[in-house]
Amino acid sequence: MGLQTRSMYSVAPCAGRPLIDMDKTSQTSQSDEAKNQAGKAPNAALSVAQSVLAAAFGVQSAKNRERDFSERRLRDFIIAGLLFAGLFVASLIVLVQWIITR
């Protein structure tokens, strides 16, 4: 029979391929998932920012709005909206002060 396994997590060689240690591959897939999660954070923030800006200018499509709320939490959009509103008001105040002092 000739098939030998090192542990219950290893696979017997097939067609000259070496044994694959499943513990190592599961660790690799877990680290890949962690990298993907970390990589999604900037994209998620950018996605939320784009959606808030599009909504602020009134050009957000219903399809994108539905996608956003199915993938993200409402809290993210509330926080981003408040930040945008605060920055918008602050920039208007600075602009008016600059115009008045000229």
N, C-alpha and C. Protein backbone atom coordinates (compact mmCIF):
# COMPACT_ATOMS: atom_id res chain seq x y z
N MET A 1 0.82 -1.18 0.00
CA MET A 1 0.00 0.00 0.00
C MET A 1 0.86 1.25 0.00
N GLY A 2 1.89 1.42 0.68
CA GLY A 2 2.86 2.47 0.54
C GLY A 2 2.43 3.88 0.95
N LEU A 3 1.16 4.13 1.24
CA LEU A 3 0.75 5.47 1.65
C LEU A 3 1.02 5.62 3.14
N GLN A 4 1.80 6.62 3.46
CA GLN A 4 2.11 6.88 4.86
C GLN A 4 1.77 8.33 5.16
N THR A 5 1.28 8.56 6.35
CA THR A 5 1.00 9.93 6.76
C THR A 5 1.75 10.20 8.05
N ARG A 6 2.21 11.43 8.20
CA ARG A 6 2.96 11.80 9.39
C ARG A 6 2.04 12.04 10.58
N SER A 7 0.93 12.70 10.34
CA SER A 7 -0.04 12.95 11.39
C SER A 7 -1.40 12.97 10.74
N MET A 8 -2.42 13.20 11.53
CA MET A 8 -3.75 13.20 10.93
C MET A 8 -3.99 14.46 10.10
N TYR A 9 -3.09 15.46 10.18
CA TYR A 9 -3.25 16.69 9.42
C TYR A 9 -2.38 16.74 8.17
N SER A 10 -1.69 15.70 7.86
CA SER A 10 -0.84 15.74 6.67
C SER A 10 -1.49 14.93 5.56
N VAL A 11 -1.09 15.24 4.35
CA VAL A 11 -1.64 14.58 3.18
C VAL A 11 -0.53 13.75 2.55
N ALA A 12 -0.86 12.54 2.12
CA ALA A 12 0.13 11.66 1.52
C ALA A 12 0.59 12.25 0.19
N PRO A 13 1.88 12.02 -0.15
CA PRO A 13 2.37 12.55 -1.43
C PRO A 13 1.66 11.90 -2.60
N CYS A 14 1.41 12.72 -3.60
CA CYS A 14 0.72 12.24 -4.78
C CYS A 14 1.49 12.73 -6.00
N ALA A 15 1.85 11.84 -6.86
CA ALA A 15 2.56 12.16 -8.10
C ALA A 15 3.84 12.95 -7.83
N GLY A 16 4.56 12.56 -6.78
CA GLY A 16 5.85 13.17 -6.50
C GLY A 16 5.80 14.47 -5.73
N ARG A 17 4.59 14.92 -5.35
CA ARG A 17 4.49 16.17 -4.59
C ARG A 17 4.78 15.89 -3.12
N PRO A 18 5.40 16.82 -2.41
CA PRO A 18 5.71 16.60 -1.00
C PRO A 18 4.45 16.66 -0.13
N LEU A 19 4.62 16.22 1.09
CA LEU A 19 3.52 16.29 2.04
C LEU A 19 3.19 17.74 2.37
N ILE A 20 1.93 17.99 2.59
CA ILE A 20 1.48 19.33 2.96
C ILE A 20 1.04 19.29 4.40
N ASP A 21 1.63 20.15 5.22
CA ASP A 21 1.26 20.21 6.62
C ASP A 21 0.07 21.15 6.76
N MET A 22 -1.08 20.62 7.12
CA MET A 22 -2.30 21.41 7.20
C MET A 22 -2.22 22.47 8.29
N ASP A 23 -1.44 22.24 9.34
CA ASP A 23 -1.30 23.26 10.37
C ASP A 23 -0.67 24.52 9.80
N LYS A 24 0.33 24.36 8.95
CA LYS A 24 0.99 25.51 8.34
C LYS A 24 0.06 26.22 7.38
N THR A 25 -0.71 25.47 6.58
CA THR A 25 -1.61 26.11 5.63
C THR A 25 -2.74 26.81 6.35
N SER A 26 -3.22 26.28 7.46
CA SER A 26 -4.28 26.97 8.19
C SER A 26 -3.74 28.24 8.83
N GLN A 27 -2.47 28.23 9.27
CA GLN A 27 -1.88 29.44 9.82
C GLN A 27 -1.71 30.48 8.72
N THR A 28 -1.34 30.04 7.55
CA THR A 28 -1.17 30.95 6.42
C THR A 28 -2.50 31.58 6.05
N SER A 29 -3.56 30.76 5.98
CA SER A 29 -4.85 31.32 5.60
C SER A 29 -5.36 32.27 6.67
N GLN A 30 -5.06 32.00 7.93
CA GLN A 30 -5.48 32.91 9.00
C GLN A 30 -4.71 34.23 8.89
N SER A 31 -3.41 34.16 8.59
CA SER A 31 -2.66 35.40 8.45
C SER A 31 -3.10 36.16 7.21
N ASP A 32 -3.47 35.44 6.14
CA ASP A 32 -3.99 36.10 4.95
C ASP A 32 -5.30 36.81 5.26
N GLU A 33 -6.16 36.16 6.07
CA GLU A 33 -7.42 36.80 6.45
C GLU A 33 -7.15 38.06 7.26
N ALA A 34 -6.17 38.00 8.16
CA ALA A 34 -5.83 39.17 8.97
C ALA A 34 -5.33 40.30 8.08
N LYS A 35 -4.52 39.96 7.07
CA LYS A 35 -4.03 40.98 6.14
C LYS A 35 -5.19 41.58 5.35
N ASN A 36 -6.12 40.72 4.92
CA ASN A 36 -7.27 41.21 4.17
C ASN A 36 -8.12 42.13 5.02
N GLN A 37 -8.32 41.76 6.29
CA GLN A 37 -9.10 42.61 7.19
C GLN A 37 -8.40 43.94 7.38
N ALA A 38 -7.08 43.90 7.57
CA ALA A 38 -6.32 45.14 7.75
C ALA A 38 -6.35 45.96 6.46
N GLY A 39 -6.31 45.29 5.33
CA GLY A 39 -6.33 45.98 4.06
C GLY A 39 -7.69 46.59 3.75
N LYS A 40 -8.74 46.09 4.33
CA LYS A 40 -10.07 46.62 4.07
C LYS A 40 -10.34 47.91 4.83
N ALA A 41 -9.63 48.14 5.90
CA ALA A 41 -9.91 49.32 6.71
C ALA A 41 -9.73 50.62 5.93
N PRO A 42 -8.61 50.83 5.23
CA PRO A 42 -8.50 52.07 4.45
C PRO A 42 -9.53 52.14 3.33
N ASN A 43 -9.80 51.01 2.70
CA ASN A 43 -10.80 50.99 1.64
C ASN A 43 -12.18 51.27 2.20
N ALA A 44 -12.46 50.77 3.40
CA ALA A 44 -13.75 51.00 4.03
C ALA A 44 -13.91 52.47 4.36
N ALA A 45 -12.87 53.09 4.91
CA ALA A 45 -12.93 54.51 5.24
C ALA A 45 -13.10 55.34 3.98
N LEU A 46 -12.40 54.97 2.93
CA LEU A 46 -12.51 55.69 1.66
C LEU A 46 -13.91 55.52 1.08
N SER A 47 -14.44 54.33 1.16
CA SER A 47 -15.79 54.05 0.66
C SER A 47 -16.83 54.87 1.41
N VAL A 48 -16.70 54.93 2.73
CA VAL A 48 -17.64 55.71 3.54
C VAL A 48 -17.51 57.19 3.20
N ALA A 49 -16.27 57.68 3.07
CA ALA A 49 -16.04 59.09 2.75
C ALA A 49 -16.64 59.44 1.38
N GLN A 50 -16.46 58.57 0.40
CA GLN A 50 -17.01 58.81 -0.93
C GLN A 50 -18.53 58.84 -0.89
N SER A 51 -19.10 57.93 -0.12
CA SER A 51 -20.56 57.88 -0.01
C SER A 51 -21.12 59.12 0.68
N VAL A 52 -20.44 59.58 1.72
CA VAL A 52 -20.89 60.78 2.43
C VAL A 52 -20.78 62.00 1.53
N LEU A 53 -19.68 62.13 0.80
CA LEU A 53 -19.53 63.26 -0.12
C LEU A 53 -20.58 63.22 -1.24
N ALA A 54 -20.82 62.03 -1.78
CA ALA A 54 -21.82 61.91 -2.83
C ALA A 54 -23.21 62.26 -2.30
N ALA A 55 -23.51 61.83 -1.10
CA ALA A 55 -24.80 62.16 -0.49
C ALA A 55 -24.90 63.65 -0.20
N ALA A 56 -23.81 64.26 0.25
CA ALA A 56 -23.81 65.69 0.57
C ALA A 56 -24.08 66.54 -0.67
N PHE A 57 -23.56 66.11 -1.81
CA PHE A 57 -23.78 66.85 -3.05
C PHE A 57 -25.03 66.38 -3.79
N GLY A 58 -25.70 65.38 -3.25
CA GLY A 58 -26.96 64.92 -3.84
C GLY A 58 -26.82 64.06 -5.06
N VAL A 59 -25.69 63.38 -5.21
CA VAL A 59 -25.49 62.55 -6.39
C VAL A 59 -25.35 61.07 -6.04
N GLN A 60 -25.72 60.69 -4.85
CA GLN A 60 -25.63 59.29 -4.42
C GLN A 60 -26.76 58.50 -5.08
N SER A 61 -26.43 57.42 -5.75
CA SER A 61 -27.46 56.61 -6.40
C SER A 61 -28.09 55.67 -5.38
N ALA A 62 -29.30 55.26 -5.66
CA ALA A 62 -30.02 54.34 -4.76
C ALA A 62 -29.28 53.01 -4.66
N LYS A 63 -28.70 52.58 -5.77
CA LYS A 63 -27.96 51.31 -5.78
C LYS A 63 -26.76 51.39 -4.83
N ASN A 64 -26.00 52.47 -4.91
CA ASN A 64 -24.83 52.64 -4.03
C ASN A 64 -25.25 52.79 -2.57
N ARG A 65 -26.34 53.49 -2.33
CA ARG A 65 -26.84 53.66 -0.97
C ARG A 65 -27.23 52.31 -0.36
N GLU A 66 -27.92 51.49 -1.13
CA GLU A 66 -28.30 50.17 -0.65
C GLU A 66 -27.07 49.31 -0.39
N ARG A 67 -26.09 49.38 -1.29
CA ARG A 67 -24.85 48.63 -1.11
C ARG A 67 -24.13 49.07 0.16
N ASP A 68 -24.06 50.38 0.36
CA ASP A 68 -23.35 50.90 1.53
C ASP A 68 -23.98 50.41 2.83
N PHE A 69 -25.29 50.49 2.91
CA PHE A 69 -25.94 50.12 4.16
C PHE A 69 -26.04 48.61 4.36
N SER A 70 -25.83 47.85 3.30
CA SER A 70 -25.79 46.39 3.48
C SER A 70 -24.39 45.94 3.91
N GLU A 71 -23.36 46.72 3.54
CA GLU A 71 -21.98 46.34 3.86
C GLU A 71 -21.42 47.06 5.08
N ARG A 72 -21.92 48.22 5.41
CA ARG A 72 -21.38 49.03 6.50
C ARG A 72 -22.43 49.26 7.58
N ARG A 73 -21.94 49.79 8.70
CA ARG A 73 -22.85 50.09 9.81
C ARG A 73 -23.31 51.55 9.71
N LEU A 74 -24.49 51.80 10.20
CA LEU A 74 -25.04 53.14 10.21
C LEU A 74 -24.15 54.09 11.00
N ARG A 75 -23.57 53.59 12.07
CA ARG A 75 -22.71 54.40 12.92
C ARG A 75 -21.56 55.02 12.12
N ASP A 76 -20.97 54.25 11.19
CA ASP A 76 -19.87 54.76 10.37
C ASP A 76 -20.29 55.98 9.56
N PHE A 77 -21.50 55.92 9.00
CA PHE A 77 -21.99 57.02 8.18
C PHE A 77 -22.38 58.23 9.02
N ILE A 78 -22.90 58.00 10.21
CA ILE A 78 -23.25 59.11 11.10
C ILE A 78 -21.99 59.86 11.51
N ILE A 79 -20.96 59.11 11.91
CA ILE A 79 -19.70 59.73 12.32
C ILE A 79 -19.08 60.50 11.15
N ALA A 80 -19.04 59.87 9.97
CA ALA A 80 -18.45 60.53 8.80
C ALA A 80 -19.27 61.76 8.41
N GLY A 81 -20.58 61.69 8.50
CA GLY A 81 -21.43 62.83 8.18
C GLY A 81 -21.22 63.98 9.14
N LEU A 82 -21.09 63.67 10.43
CA LEU A 82 -20.84 64.73 11.41
C LEU A 82 -19.47 65.38 11.19
N LEU A 83 -18.47 64.55 10.88
CA LEU A 83 -17.14 65.10 10.59
C LEU A 83 -17.18 66.00 9.35
N PHE A 84 -17.86 65.54 8.32
CA PHE A 84 -17.97 66.34 7.10
C PHE A 84 -18.68 67.65 7.38
N ALA A 85 -19.80 67.60 8.12
CA ALA A 85 -20.55 68.82 8.42
C ALA A 85 -19.70 69.79 9.24
N GLY A 86 -18.96 69.26 10.22
CA GLY A 86 -18.09 70.11 11.04
C GLY A 86 -17.01 70.77 10.22
N LEU A 87 -16.37 69.99 9.35
CA LEU A 87 -15.32 70.56 8.49
C LEU A 87 -15.88 71.57 7.50
N PHE A 88 -17.06 71.30 7.00
CA PHE A 88 -17.70 72.22 6.06
C PHE A 88 -18.01 73.55 6.73
N VAL A 89 -18.61 73.50 7.91
CA VAL A 89 -18.94 74.74 8.65
C VAL A 89 -17.66 75.48 9.03
N ALA A 90 -16.65 74.76 9.50
CA ALA A 90 -15.38 75.41 9.88
C ALA A 90 -14.74 76.07 8.67
N SER A 91 -14.80 75.42 7.51
CA SER A 91 -14.19 76.02 6.32
C SER A 91 -14.97 77.26 5.88
N LEU A 92 -16.29 77.26 6.04
CA LEU A 92 -17.06 78.45 5.71
C LEU A 92 -16.73 79.61 6.65
N ILE A 93 -16.56 79.30 7.94
CA ILE A 93 -16.18 80.34 8.91
C ILE A 93 -14.82 80.93 8.56
N VAL A 94 -13.86 80.08 8.24
CA VAL A 94 -12.52 80.55 7.88
C VAL A 94 -12.58 81.38 6.60
N LEU A 95 -13.35 80.95 5.63
CA LEU A 95 -13.48 81.68 4.37
C LEU A 95 -14.10 83.07 4.60
N VAL A 96 -15.16 83.12 5.38
CA VAL A 96 -15.81 84.41 5.65
C VAL A 96 -14.88 85.34 6.42
N GLN A 97 -14.17 84.81 7.41
CA GLN A 97 -13.21 85.63 8.16
C GLN A 97 -12.10 86.16 7.25
N TRP A 98 -11.66 85.33 6.34
CA TRP A 98 -10.59 85.74 5.40
C TRP A 98 -11.09 86.84 4.49
N ILE A 99 -12.33 86.70 4.00
CA ILE A 99 -12.90 87.71 3.11
C ILE A 99 -13.13 89.03 3.86
N ILE A 100 -13.59 88.97 5.07
CA ILE A 100 -13.86 90.18 5.86
C ILE A 100 -12.57 90.95 6.15
N THR A 101 -11.48 90.24 6.45
CA THR A 101 -10.24 90.91 6.81
C THR A 101 -9.52 91.50 5.61
N ARG A 102 -9.89 91.17 4.41
CA ARG A 102 -9.22 91.71 3.20
C ARG A 102 -9.70 93.05 2.91
